[in-house]
Amino acid sequence: MDAIPVLSQLKSFVQWASGDSEGAEETQANFLQRCPVVAQGTSAVQAIMGNQKGARQTQIEFLKGLNDKVDSMPVVGHVKGTVHYICGDKKGGDKAMKAASHTTGVIGGGVGGFLVGGPAGAVVLGAAGGALMDGAITIGDSAVNGENAKPYGFVDNVVRIVDDPTNGGNYVDLIGATVLDAQDGN
């Protein structure tokens, strides 16, 4: 969410308006490092100003965000996750598998919704498919990792709101992620 123009600024404004100025600043720092083109501009300015370390860190953060996008692609993310597992990287494997599975849930819900209710059905069931897959991922992670399990996606957003109902950024993350899943389902 932090890398998307307008949504990032909306989230930052809501955080600031709800008294979380540190969160608002962090959201904008993430935007400057993760948004395509903006990150390259940030890095260039840092390099021109003599901050080579900062320019390099901005590019590393941008590449992490790009890696997250690759992880979220069905099939590609699943293959990437399998390679991580083969190489002994359980954390990277879990991350890629979960992201790719989430997107698979969104697409599956969107296709099913379209068949049942046209474009409106695709929107509704695309978002629902993502939320249901996040629930399944969270349940599976709990079964495998017990107390070390972490809620995923939609479930994580809801848990963060329950844990800190005054943090406006958590609400923007939940609504934004749901809207983006609805769009992807369509």
N, C-alpha and C. Protein backbone atom coordinates (compact mmCIF):
# COMPACT_ATOMS: atom_id res chain seq x y z
N MET A 1 0.83 -1.19 0.00
CA MET A 1 0.00 0.00 0.00
C MET A 1 0.88 1.26 0.00
N ASP A 2 2.00 1.21 0.72
CA ASP A 2 2.84 2.39 0.87
C ASP A 2 3.50 2.82 -0.44
N ALA A 3 3.59 1.93 -1.42
CA ALA A 3 4.26 2.26 -2.68
C ALA A 3 3.31 2.82 -3.73
N ILE A 4 2.03 2.89 -3.44
CA ILE A 4 1.05 3.29 -4.44
C ILE A 4 0.73 4.78 -4.29
N PRO A 5 0.98 5.57 -5.37
CA PRO A 5 0.68 7.00 -5.30
C PRO A 5 -0.79 7.23 -4.93
N VAL A 6 -1.05 8.27 -4.26
CA VAL A 6 -2.35 8.72 -3.76
C VAL A 6 -2.77 7.88 -2.54
N LEU A 7 -2.80 6.54 -2.66
CA LEU A 7 -3.16 5.72 -1.50
C LEU A 7 -2.16 5.89 -0.37
N SER A 8 -0.88 5.98 -0.73
CA SER A 8 0.15 6.19 0.28
C SER A 8 -0.04 7.54 0.98
N GLN A 9 -0.33 8.56 0.20
CA GLN A 9 -0.53 9.89 0.78
C GLN A 9 -1.81 9.93 1.62
N LEU A 10 -2.85 9.24 1.16
CA LEU A 10 -4.09 9.16 1.94
C LEU A 10 -3.82 8.47 3.28
N LYS A 11 -3.10 7.35 3.23
CA LYS A 11 -2.78 6.63 4.46
C LYS A 11 -1.97 7.53 5.40
N SER A 12 -0.98 8.20 4.86
CA SER A 12 -0.15 9.08 5.67
C SER A 12 -0.97 10.20 6.31
N PHE A 13 -1.90 10.77 5.54
CA PHE A 13 -2.76 11.83 6.08
C PHE A 13 -3.64 11.30 7.21
N VAL A 14 -4.23 10.13 7.01
CA VAL A 14 -5.08 9.53 8.05
C VAL A 14 -4.25 9.25 9.30
N GLN A 15 -3.04 8.74 9.12
CA GLN A 15 -2.17 8.50 10.27
C GLN A 15 -1.88 9.80 11.02
N TRP A 16 -1.53 10.82 10.26
CA TRP A 16 -1.22 12.11 10.88
C TRP A 16 -2.45 12.67 11.59
N ALA A 17 -3.61 12.62 10.92
CA ALA A 17 -4.85 13.15 11.50
C ALA A 17 -5.27 12.39 12.75
N SER A 18 -4.91 11.12 12.84
CA SER A 18 -5.28 10.34 14.03
C SER A 18 -4.17 10.36 15.09
N GLY A 19 -3.18 11.24 14.92
CA GLY A 19 -2.16 11.43 15.94
C GLY A 19 -0.92 10.57 15.81
N ASP A 20 -0.79 9.86 14.70
CA ASP A 20 0.37 8.99 14.50
C ASP A 20 1.33 9.64 13.51
N SER A 21 2.00 10.71 13.94
CA SER A 21 2.89 11.43 13.02
C SER A 21 4.11 10.58 12.64
N GLU A 22 4.57 9.72 13.55
CA GLU A 22 5.70 8.84 13.22
C GLU A 22 5.31 7.83 12.14
N GLY A 23 4.11 7.26 12.26
CA GLY A 23 3.62 6.34 11.24
C GLY A 23 3.44 7.03 9.90
N ALA A 24 2.95 8.28 9.92
CA ALA A 24 2.77 9.04 8.69
C ALA A 24 4.11 9.29 8.01
N GLU A 25 5.11 9.62 8.81
CA GLU A 25 6.45 9.85 8.26
C GLU A 25 7.04 8.55 7.69
N GLU A 26 6.84 7.45 8.38
CA GLU A 26 7.33 6.15 7.91
C GLU A 26 6.65 5.75 6.59
N THR A 27 5.35 6.00 6.49
CA THR A 27 4.62 5.69 5.25
C THR A 27 5.21 6.47 4.08
N GLN A 28 5.49 7.75 4.29
CA GLN A 28 6.05 8.55 3.20
C GLN A 28 7.49 8.14 2.88
N ALA A 29 8.26 7.75 3.89
CA ALA A 29 9.62 7.25 3.64
C ALA A 29 9.55 5.97 2.81
N ASN A 30 8.59 5.10 3.14
CA ASN A 30 8.40 3.88 2.35
C ASN A 30 8.03 4.21 0.91
N PHE A 31 7.16 5.20 0.73
CA PHE A 31 6.74 5.62 -0.61
C PHE A 31 7.95 6.08 -1.42
N LEU A 32 8.80 6.88 -0.82
CA LEU A 32 9.97 7.40 -1.54
C LEU A 32 10.94 6.29 -1.93
N GLN A 33 10.93 5.19 -1.20
CA GLN A 33 11.86 4.09 -1.49
C GLN A 33 11.23 2.96 -2.31
N ARG A 34 9.91 2.88 -2.37
CA ARG A 34 9.28 1.71 -3.01
C ARG A 34 8.49 2.01 -4.27
N CYS A 35 8.06 3.23 -4.46
CA CYS A 35 7.26 3.57 -5.63
C CYS A 35 8.15 3.64 -6.88
N PRO A 36 7.79 2.90 -7.94
CA PRO A 36 8.58 2.98 -9.17
C PRO A 36 8.69 4.42 -9.66
N VAL A 37 9.79 4.75 -10.21
CA VAL A 37 10.17 6.07 -10.71
C VAL A 37 10.49 7.00 -9.54
N VAL A 38 9.61 7.11 -8.56
CA VAL A 38 9.87 7.95 -7.39
C VAL A 38 11.12 7.45 -6.66
N ALA A 39 11.24 6.14 -6.50
CA ALA A 39 12.41 5.57 -5.82
C ALA A 39 13.69 5.87 -6.59
N GLN A 40 13.64 5.77 -7.91
CA GLN A 40 14.83 6.07 -8.70
C GLN A 40 15.19 7.54 -8.59
N GLY A 41 14.18 8.41 -8.57
CA GLY A 41 14.43 9.84 -8.38
C GLY A 41 15.03 10.11 -7.00
N THR A 42 14.47 9.46 -5.99
CA THR A 42 15.00 9.62 -4.63
C THR A 42 16.45 9.19 -4.57
N SER A 43 16.73 8.03 -5.15
CA SER A 43 18.10 7.50 -5.15
C SER A 43 19.05 8.43 -5.90
N ALA A 44 18.61 8.97 -7.03
CA ALA A 44 19.45 9.88 -7.80
C ALA A 44 19.77 11.14 -7.00
N VAL A 45 18.76 11.71 -6.36
CA VAL A 45 18.98 12.91 -5.54
C VAL A 45 19.94 12.59 -4.40
N GLN A 46 19.75 11.44 -3.76
CA GLN A 46 20.65 11.06 -2.67
C GLN A 46 22.09 10.95 -3.18
N ALA A 47 22.27 10.33 -4.33
CA ALA A 47 23.61 10.16 -4.90
C ALA A 47 24.22 11.51 -5.26
N ILE A 48 23.45 12.39 -5.88
CA ILE A 48 23.94 13.72 -6.26
C ILE A 48 24.34 14.52 -5.02
N MET A 49 23.60 14.34 -3.94
CA MET A 49 23.88 15.06 -2.69
C MET A 49 25.03 14.42 -1.90
N GLY A 50 25.60 13.34 -2.44
CA GLY A 50 26.74 12.70 -1.79
C GLY A 50 26.39 11.60 -0.81
N ASN A 51 25.12 11.25 -0.73
CA ASN A 51 24.69 10.20 0.19
C ASN A 51 24.62 8.86 -0.57
N GLN A 52 25.78 8.31 -0.88
CA GLN A 52 25.86 7.06 -1.63
C GLN A 52 25.21 5.90 -0.87
N LYS A 53 25.42 5.88 0.43
CA LYS A 53 24.84 4.81 1.24
C LYS A 53 23.31 4.87 1.20
N GLY A 54 22.75 6.06 1.33
CA GLY A 54 21.30 6.23 1.27
C GLY A 54 20.75 5.87 -0.10
N ALA A 55 21.48 6.25 -1.18
CA ALA A 55 21.04 5.93 -2.54
C ALA A 55 21.01 4.42 -2.74
N ARG A 56 22.04 3.74 -2.23
CA ARG A 56 22.09 2.28 -2.35
C ARG A 56 20.95 1.64 -1.56
N GLN A 57 20.70 2.14 -0.34
CA GLN A 57 19.64 1.58 0.49
C GLN A 57 18.27 1.78 -0.15
N THR A 58 18.06 2.92 -0.79
CA THR A 58 16.80 3.17 -1.50
C THR A 58 16.61 2.14 -2.61
N GLN A 59 17.65 1.86 -3.37
CA GLN A 59 17.54 0.87 -4.45
C GLN A 59 17.31 -0.54 -3.90
N ILE A 60 17.94 -0.86 -2.77
CA ILE A 60 17.72 -2.17 -2.14
C ILE A 60 16.27 -2.30 -1.70
N GLU A 61 15.71 -1.26 -1.09
CA GLU A 61 14.31 -1.28 -0.66
C GLU A 61 13.37 -1.40 -1.86
N PHE A 62 13.70 -0.69 -2.94
CA PHE A 62 12.88 -0.78 -4.14
C PHE A 62 12.88 -2.21 -4.68
N LEU A 63 14.06 -2.83 -4.73
CA LEU A 63 14.16 -4.20 -5.23
C LEU A 63 13.43 -5.19 -4.33
N LYS A 64 13.41 -4.92 -3.02
CA LYS A 64 12.62 -5.78 -2.12
C LYS A 64 11.14 -5.70 -2.49
N GLY A 65 10.66 -4.50 -2.78
CA GLY A 65 9.27 -4.33 -3.19
C GLY A 65 8.98 -5.03 -4.52
N LEU A 66 9.93 -4.95 -5.45
CA LEU A 66 9.78 -5.63 -6.73
C LEU A 66 9.75 -7.15 -6.51
N ASN A 67 10.61 -7.64 -5.62
CA ASN A 67 10.62 -9.05 -5.27
C ASN A 67 9.27 -9.48 -4.70
N ASP A 68 8.66 -8.63 -3.89
CA ASP A 68 7.34 -8.93 -3.33
C ASP A 68 6.30 -9.08 -4.44
N LYS A 69 6.41 -8.25 -5.49
CA LYS A 69 5.47 -8.35 -6.61
C LYS A 69 5.66 -9.68 -7.35
N VAL A 70 6.89 -10.10 -7.54
CA VAL A 70 7.15 -11.38 -8.19
C VAL A 70 6.60 -12.51 -7.33
N ASP A 71 6.80 -12.42 -6.01
CA ASP A 71 6.26 -13.44 -5.11
C ASP A 71 4.75 -13.59 -5.26
N SER A 72 4.06 -12.49 -5.52
CA SER A 72 2.59 -12.53 -5.53
C SER A 72 2.00 -13.04 -6.84
N MET A 73 2.83 -13.36 -7.81
CA MET A 73 2.32 -13.86 -9.08
C MET A 73 2.05 -15.36 -8.98
N PRO A 74 0.79 -15.78 -9.21
CA PRO A 74 0.51 -17.22 -9.17
C PRO A 74 1.44 -17.99 -10.12
N VAL A 75 1.75 -19.16 -9.77
CA VAL A 75 2.66 -20.07 -10.47
C VAL A 75 4.11 -19.57 -10.31
N VAL A 76 4.41 -18.35 -10.76
CA VAL A 76 5.77 -17.82 -10.63
C VAL A 76 6.17 -17.77 -9.16
N GLY A 77 5.31 -17.23 -8.31
CA GLY A 77 5.60 -17.17 -6.89
C GLY A 77 5.68 -18.55 -6.25
N HIS A 78 4.82 -19.45 -6.73
CA HIS A 78 4.85 -20.82 -6.20
C HIS A 78 6.17 -21.52 -6.57
N VAL A 79 6.62 -21.34 -7.82
CA VAL A 79 7.90 -21.92 -8.25
C VAL A 79 9.04 -21.28 -7.47
N LYS A 80 8.99 -19.97 -7.32
CA LYS A 80 10.02 -19.25 -6.57
C LYS A 80 10.05 -19.74 -5.12
N GLY A 81 8.89 -19.92 -4.52
CA GLY A 81 8.82 -20.44 -3.15
C GLY A 81 9.43 -21.83 -3.04
N THR A 82 9.15 -22.67 -4.04
CA THR A 82 9.72 -24.02 -4.05
C THR A 82 11.24 -23.97 -4.12
N VAL A 83 11.78 -23.07 -4.95
CA VAL A 83 13.23 -22.92 -5.05
C VAL A 83 13.80 -22.46 -3.71
N HIS A 84 13.13 -21.53 -3.05
CA HIS A 84 13.58 -21.10 -1.71
C HIS A 84 13.64 -22.30 -0.77
N TYR A 85 12.57 -23.11 -0.76
CA TYR A 85 12.55 -24.29 0.11
C TYR A 85 13.70 -25.24 -0.21
N ILE A 86 13.93 -25.50 -1.49
CA ILE A 86 15.01 -26.41 -1.90
C ILE A 86 16.36 -25.89 -1.42
N CYS A 87 16.51 -24.57 -1.44
CA CYS A 87 17.78 -23.96 -1.02
C CYS A 87 17.87 -23.79 0.50
N GLY A 88 16.86 -24.27 1.22
CA GLY A 88 16.89 -24.19 2.68
C GLY A 88 16.39 -22.88 3.26
N ASP A 89 15.76 -22.05 2.43
CA ASP A 89 15.25 -20.76 2.89
C ASP A 89 13.75 -20.87 3.16
N LYS A 90 13.40 -21.38 4.34
CA LYS A 90 11.99 -21.57 4.70
C LYS A 90 11.24 -20.25 4.76
N LYS A 91 11.86 -19.23 5.32
CA LYS A 91 11.19 -17.94 5.44
C LYS A 91 10.85 -17.35 4.05
N GLY A 92 11.82 -17.38 3.13
CA GLY A 92 11.57 -16.89 1.77
C GLY A 92 10.55 -17.75 1.04
N GLY A 93 10.61 -19.07 1.27
CA GLY A 93 9.65 -19.97 0.65
C GLY A 93 8.24 -19.70 1.14
N ASP A 94 8.09 -19.55 2.45
CA ASP A 94 6.77 -19.26 3.02
C ASP A 94 6.22 -17.94 2.48
N LYS A 95 7.08 -16.92 2.42
CA LYS A 95 6.65 -15.60 1.96
C LYS A 95 6.13 -15.67 0.52
N ALA A 96 6.89 -16.32 -0.37
CA ALA A 96 6.48 -16.41 -1.77
C ALA A 96 5.22 -17.26 -1.92
N MET A 97 5.16 -18.38 -1.23
CA MET A 97 3.99 -19.27 -1.34
C MET A 97 2.73 -18.58 -0.86
N LYS A 98 2.82 -17.88 0.27
CA LYS A 98 1.65 -17.19 0.81
C LYS A 98 1.17 -16.09 -0.13
N ALA A 99 2.11 -15.30 -0.65
CA ALA A 99 1.73 -14.20 -1.54
C ALA A 99 1.09 -14.73 -2.83
N ALA A 100 1.70 -15.76 -3.42
CA ALA A 100 1.16 -16.32 -4.65
C ALA A 100 -0.20 -16.98 -4.40
N SER A 101 -0.34 -17.62 -3.26
CA SER A 101 -1.62 -18.27 -2.94
C SER A 101 -2.71 -17.23 -2.71
N HIS A 102 -2.37 -16.10 -2.07
CA HIS A 102 -3.35 -15.02 -1.88
C HIS A 102 -3.88 -14.56 -3.24
N THR A 103 -2.96 -14.29 -4.16
CA THR A 103 -3.38 -13.81 -5.48
C THR A 103 -4.20 -14.87 -6.21
N THR A 104 -3.85 -16.13 -6.03
CA THR A 104 -4.63 -17.22 -6.62
C THR A 104 -6.07 -17.19 -6.09
N GLY A 105 -6.22 -16.94 -4.78
CA GLY A 105 -7.56 -16.82 -4.19
C GLY A 105 -8.34 -15.66 -4.77
N VAL A 106 -7.66 -14.54 -4.97
CA VAL A 106 -8.32 -13.36 -5.56
C VAL A 106 -8.78 -13.67 -6.99
N ILE A 107 -7.89 -14.25 -7.77
CA ILE A 107 -8.23 -14.54 -9.17
C ILE A 107 -9.34 -15.60 -9.24
N GLY A 108 -9.21 -16.65 -8.43
CA GLY A 108 -10.25 -17.69 -8.41
C GLY A 108 -11.60 -17.12 -8.03
N GLY A 109 -11.62 -16.28 -7.00
CA GLY A 109 -12.86 -15.63 -6.60
C GLY A 109 -13.41 -14.73 -7.69
N GLY A 110 -12.51 -14.00 -8.35
CA GLY A 110 -12.92 -13.10 -9.42
C GLY A 110 -13.53 -13.84 -10.60
N VAL A 111 -12.89 -14.94 -10.99
CA VAL A 111 -13.41 -15.74 -12.11
C VAL A 111 -14.77 -16.34 -11.75
N GLY A 112 -14.85 -16.95 -10.56
CA GLY A 112 -16.13 -17.52 -10.12
C GLY A 112 -17.21 -16.47 -10.01
N GLY A 113 -16.84 -15.32 -9.46
CA GLY A 113 -17.81 -14.24 -9.33
C GLY A 113 -18.29 -13.73 -10.67
N PHE A 114 -17.38 -13.65 -11.65
CA PHE A 114 -17.77 -13.20 -12.98
C PHE A 114 -18.76 -14.17 -13.62
N LEU A 115 -18.50 -15.46 -13.44
CA LEU A 115 -19.39 -16.47 -14.02
C LEU A 115 -20.79 -16.41 -13.41
N VAL A 116 -20.84 -16.06 -12.13
CA VAL A 116 -22.13 -16.02 -11.43
C VAL A 116 -22.82 -14.66 -11.58
N GLY A 117 -22.04 -13.59 -11.47
CA GLY A 117 -22.68 -12.27 -11.42
C GLY A 117 -22.07 -11.20 -12.29
N GLY A 118 -21.31 -11.59 -13.30
CA GLY A 118 -20.71 -10.60 -14.19
C GLY A 118 -19.65 -9.79 -13.47
N PRO A 119 -19.36 -8.58 -13.97
CA PRO A 119 -18.30 -7.76 -13.38
C PRO A 119 -18.50 -7.47 -11.89
N ALA A 120 -19.73 -7.21 -11.48
CA ALA A 120 -19.99 -6.94 -10.06
C ALA A 120 -19.66 -8.17 -9.21
N GLY A 121 -20.02 -9.34 -9.70
CA GLY A 121 -19.70 -10.58 -8.99
C GLY A 121 -18.20 -10.80 -8.90
N ALA A 122 -17.49 -10.44 -9.98
CA ALA A 122 -16.03 -10.57 -9.97
C ALA A 122 -15.40 -9.69 -8.91
N VAL A 123 -15.90 -8.47 -8.78
CA VAL A 123 -15.37 -7.54 -7.77
C VAL A 123 -15.59 -8.09 -6.36
N VAL A 124 -16.82 -8.46 -6.07
CA VAL A 124 -17.16 -8.92 -4.72
C VAL A 124 -16.45 -10.22 -4.37
N LEU A 125 -16.53 -11.20 -5.26
CA LEU A 125 -15.92 -12.49 -4.94
C LEU A 125 -14.41 -12.48 -5.09
N GLY A 126 -13.85 -11.55 -5.86
CA GLY A 126 -12.39 -11.39 -5.91
C GLY A 126 -11.86 -10.97 -4.55
N ALA A 127 -12.49 -9.95 -3.96
CA ALA A 127 -12.09 -9.50 -2.62
C ALA A 127 -12.34 -10.59 -1.59
N ALA A 128 -13.48 -11.27 -1.69
CA ALA A 128 -13.80 -12.34 -0.75
C ALA A 128 -12.82 -13.51 -0.89
N GLY A 129 -12.44 -13.82 -2.13
CA GLY A 129 -11.47 -14.90 -2.35
C GLY A 129 -10.14 -14.61 -1.70
N GLY A 130 -9.69 -13.36 -1.78
CA GLY A 130 -8.45 -12.98 -1.12
C GLY A 130 -8.55 -13.10 0.38
N ALA A 131 -9.65 -12.62 0.94
CA ALA A 131 -9.85 -12.70 2.40
C ALA A 131 -9.94 -14.15 2.87
N LEU A 132 -10.67 -14.97 2.13
CA LEU A 132 -10.78 -16.39 2.50
C LEU A 132 -9.43 -17.10 2.40
N MET A 133 -8.67 -16.80 1.37
CA MET A 133 -7.35 -17.42 1.23
C MET A 133 -6.44 -16.97 2.37
N ASP A 134 -6.53 -15.70 2.76
CA ASP A 134 -5.72 -15.22 3.89
C ASP A 134 -6.10 -15.94 5.17
N GLY A 135 -7.39 -16.22 5.34
CA GLY A 135 -7.82 -17.01 6.50
C GLY A 135 -7.26 -18.42 6.45
N ALA A 136 -7.29 -19.03 5.27
CA ALA A 136 -6.75 -20.39 5.13
C ALA A 136 -5.24 -20.40 5.37
N ILE A 137 -4.55 -19.38 4.87
CA ILE A 137 -3.10 -19.28 5.09
C ILE A 137 -2.80 -19.13 6.57
N THR A 138 -3.57 -18.30 7.26
CA THR A 138 -3.37 -18.08 8.69
C THR A 138 -3.63 -19.35 9.47
N ILE A 139 -4.69 -20.07 9.14
CA ILE A 139 -5.00 -21.34 9.82
C ILE A 139 -3.89 -22.36 9.57
N GLY A 140 -3.45 -22.46 8.32
CA GLY A 140 -2.37 -23.39 7.99
C GLY A 140 -1.09 -23.05 8.72
N ASP A 141 -0.76 -21.77 8.77
CA ASP A 141 0.45 -21.33 9.47
C ASP A 141 0.35 -21.64 10.96
N SER A 142 -0.85 -21.48 11.53
CA SER A 142 -1.06 -21.81 12.95
C SER A 142 -0.87 -23.30 13.19
N ALA A 143 -1.37 -24.13 12.27
CA ALA A 143 -1.24 -25.58 12.42
C ALA A 143 0.23 -26.01 12.34
N VAL A 144 0.99 -25.37 11.47
CA VAL A 144 2.39 -25.75 11.27
C VAL A 144 3.31 -25.12 12.31
N ASN A 145 3.10 -23.85 12.62
CA ASN A 145 4.05 -23.11 13.46
C ASN A 145 3.55 -22.81 14.87
N GLY A 146 2.34 -23.21 15.20
CA GLY A 146 1.83 -23.02 16.56
C GLY A 146 1.87 -21.58 17.00
N GLU A 147 2.47 -21.33 18.16
CA GLU A 147 2.50 -19.98 18.72
C GLU A 147 3.38 -19.03 17.93
N ASN A 148 4.24 -19.56 17.05
CA ASN A 148 5.10 -18.71 16.22
C ASN A 148 4.40 -18.26 14.95
N ALA A 149 3.17 -18.71 14.75
CA ALA A 149 2.42 -18.35 13.55
C ALA A 149 2.05 -16.87 13.59
N LYS A 150 1.92 -16.30 12.39
CA LYS A 150 1.53 -14.89 12.27
C LYS A 150 0.31 -14.79 11.37
N PRO A 151 -0.63 -13.93 11.72
CA PRO A 151 -1.78 -13.74 10.83
C PRO A 151 -1.30 -13.18 9.49
N TYR A 152 -2.03 -13.48 8.43
CA TYR A 152 -1.61 -13.08 7.09
C TYR A 152 -2.67 -12.22 6.40
N GLY A 153 -2.21 -11.22 5.67
CA GLY A 153 -3.06 -10.41 4.81
C GLY A 153 -4.25 -9.77 5.51
N PHE A 154 -5.43 -10.09 5.01
CA PHE A 154 -6.67 -9.53 5.55
C PHE A 154 -6.78 -9.80 7.05
N VAL A 155 -6.44 -11.01 7.47
CA VAL A 155 -6.52 -11.39 8.88
C VAL A 155 -5.55 -10.53 9.69
N ASP A 156 -4.34 -10.32 9.18
CA ASP A 156 -3.36 -9.48 9.87
C ASP A 156 -3.87 -8.05 10.00
N ASN A 157 -4.50 -7.54 8.93
CA ASN A 157 -5.04 -6.18 8.99
C ASN A 157 -6.11 -6.06 10.08
N VAL A 158 -6.99 -7.05 10.18
CA VAL A 158 -8.04 -7.03 11.20
C VAL A 158 -7.42 -7.12 12.60
N VAL A 159 -6.44 -8.00 12.76
CA VAL A 159 -5.79 -8.16 14.07
C VAL A 159 -5.10 -6.85 14.49
N ARG A 160 -4.45 -6.17 13.53
CA ARG A 160 -3.80 -4.90 13.87
C ARG A 160 -4.82 -3.84 14.29
N ILE A 161 -5.99 -3.84 13.69
CA ILE A 161 -7.04 -2.90 14.09
C ILE A 161 -7.54 -3.24 15.49
N VAL A 162 -7.75 -4.51 15.77
CA VAL A 162 -8.20 -4.93 17.10
C VAL A 162 -7.15 -4.56 18.16
N ASP A 163 -5.87 -4.78 17.83
CA ASP A 163 -4.80 -4.48 18.77
C ASP A 163 -4.60 -2.99 19.00
N ASP A 164 -4.83 -2.17 17.95
CA ASP A 164 -4.63 -0.73 18.06
C ASP A 164 -5.71 0.00 17.27
N PRO A 165 -6.92 0.11 17.85
CA PRO A 165 -8.03 0.72 17.12
C PRO A 165 -7.86 2.21 16.86
N THR A 166 -6.88 2.86 17.48
CA THR A 166 -6.68 4.29 17.26
C THR A 166 -5.74 4.58 16.09
N ASN A 167 -5.09 3.55 15.54
CA ASN A 167 -4.16 3.75 14.43
C ASN A 167 -4.92 3.78 13.11
N GLY A 168 -5.11 4.96 12.58
CA GLY A 168 -5.86 5.13 11.34
C GLY A 168 -5.22 4.44 10.15
N GLY A 169 -3.91 4.30 10.15
CA GLY A 169 -3.21 3.65 9.05
C GLY A 169 -3.63 2.20 8.88
N ASN A 170 -3.96 1.53 9.98
CA ASN A 170 -4.40 0.14 9.90
C ASN A 170 -5.72 0.03 9.15
N TYR A 171 -6.62 0.99 9.34
CA TYR A 171 -7.90 1.00 8.63
C TYR A 171 -7.69 1.22 7.13
N VAL A 172 -6.78 2.15 6.81
CA VAL A 172 -6.49 2.42 5.40
C VAL A 172 -5.89 1.17 4.75
N ASP A 173 -4.99 0.49 5.46
CA ASP A 173 -4.40 -0.75 4.93
C ASP A 173 -5.48 -1.79 4.65
N LEU A 174 -6.41 -1.97 5.58
CA LEU A 174 -7.48 -2.96 5.41
C LEU A 174 -8.38 -2.61 4.23
N ILE A 175 -8.85 -1.38 4.19
CA ILE A 175 -9.75 -0.96 3.12
C ILE A 175 -9.01 -0.95 1.78
N GLY A 176 -7.80 -0.42 1.77
CA GLY A 176 -7.03 -0.36 0.53
C GLY A 176 -6.73 -1.74 -0.04
N ALA A 177 -6.31 -2.66 0.82
CA ALA A 177 -6.01 -4.02 0.35
C ALA A 177 -7.27 -4.70 -0.18
N THR A 178 -8.39 -4.47 0.48
CA THR A 178 -9.65 -5.07 0.03
C THR A 178 -10.07 -4.50 -1.32
N VAL A 179 -9.93 -3.19 -1.48
CA VAL A 179 -10.27 -2.54 -2.75
C VAL A 179 -9.35 -3.03 -3.87
N LEU A 180 -8.06 -3.16 -3.57
CA LEU A 180 -7.14 -3.64 -4.59
C LEU A 180 -7.43 -5.09 -4.97
N ASP A 181 -7.80 -5.91 -4.00
CA ASP A 181 -8.20 -7.30 -4.31
C ASP A 181 -9.46 -7.29 -5.17
N ALA A 182 -10.41 -6.42 -4.86
CA ALA A 182 -11.63 -6.33 -5.66
C ALA A 182 -11.30 -5.95 -7.09
N GLN A 183 -10.40 -5.01 -7.24
CA GLN A 183 -9.98 -4.58 -8.58
C GLN A 183 -9.29 -5.73 -9.31
N ASP A 184 -8.40 -6.44 -8.62
CA ASP A 184 -7.70 -7.56 -9.25
C ASP A 184 -8.66 -8.69 -9.62
N GLY A 185 -9.70 -8.86 -8.82
CA GLY A 185 -10.69 -9.90 -9.12
C GLY A 185 -11.49 -9.59 -10.36
N ASN A 186 -11.58 -8.32 -10.68
CA ASN A 186 -12.31 -7.88 -11.85
C ASN A 186 -11.37 -7.86 -13.00
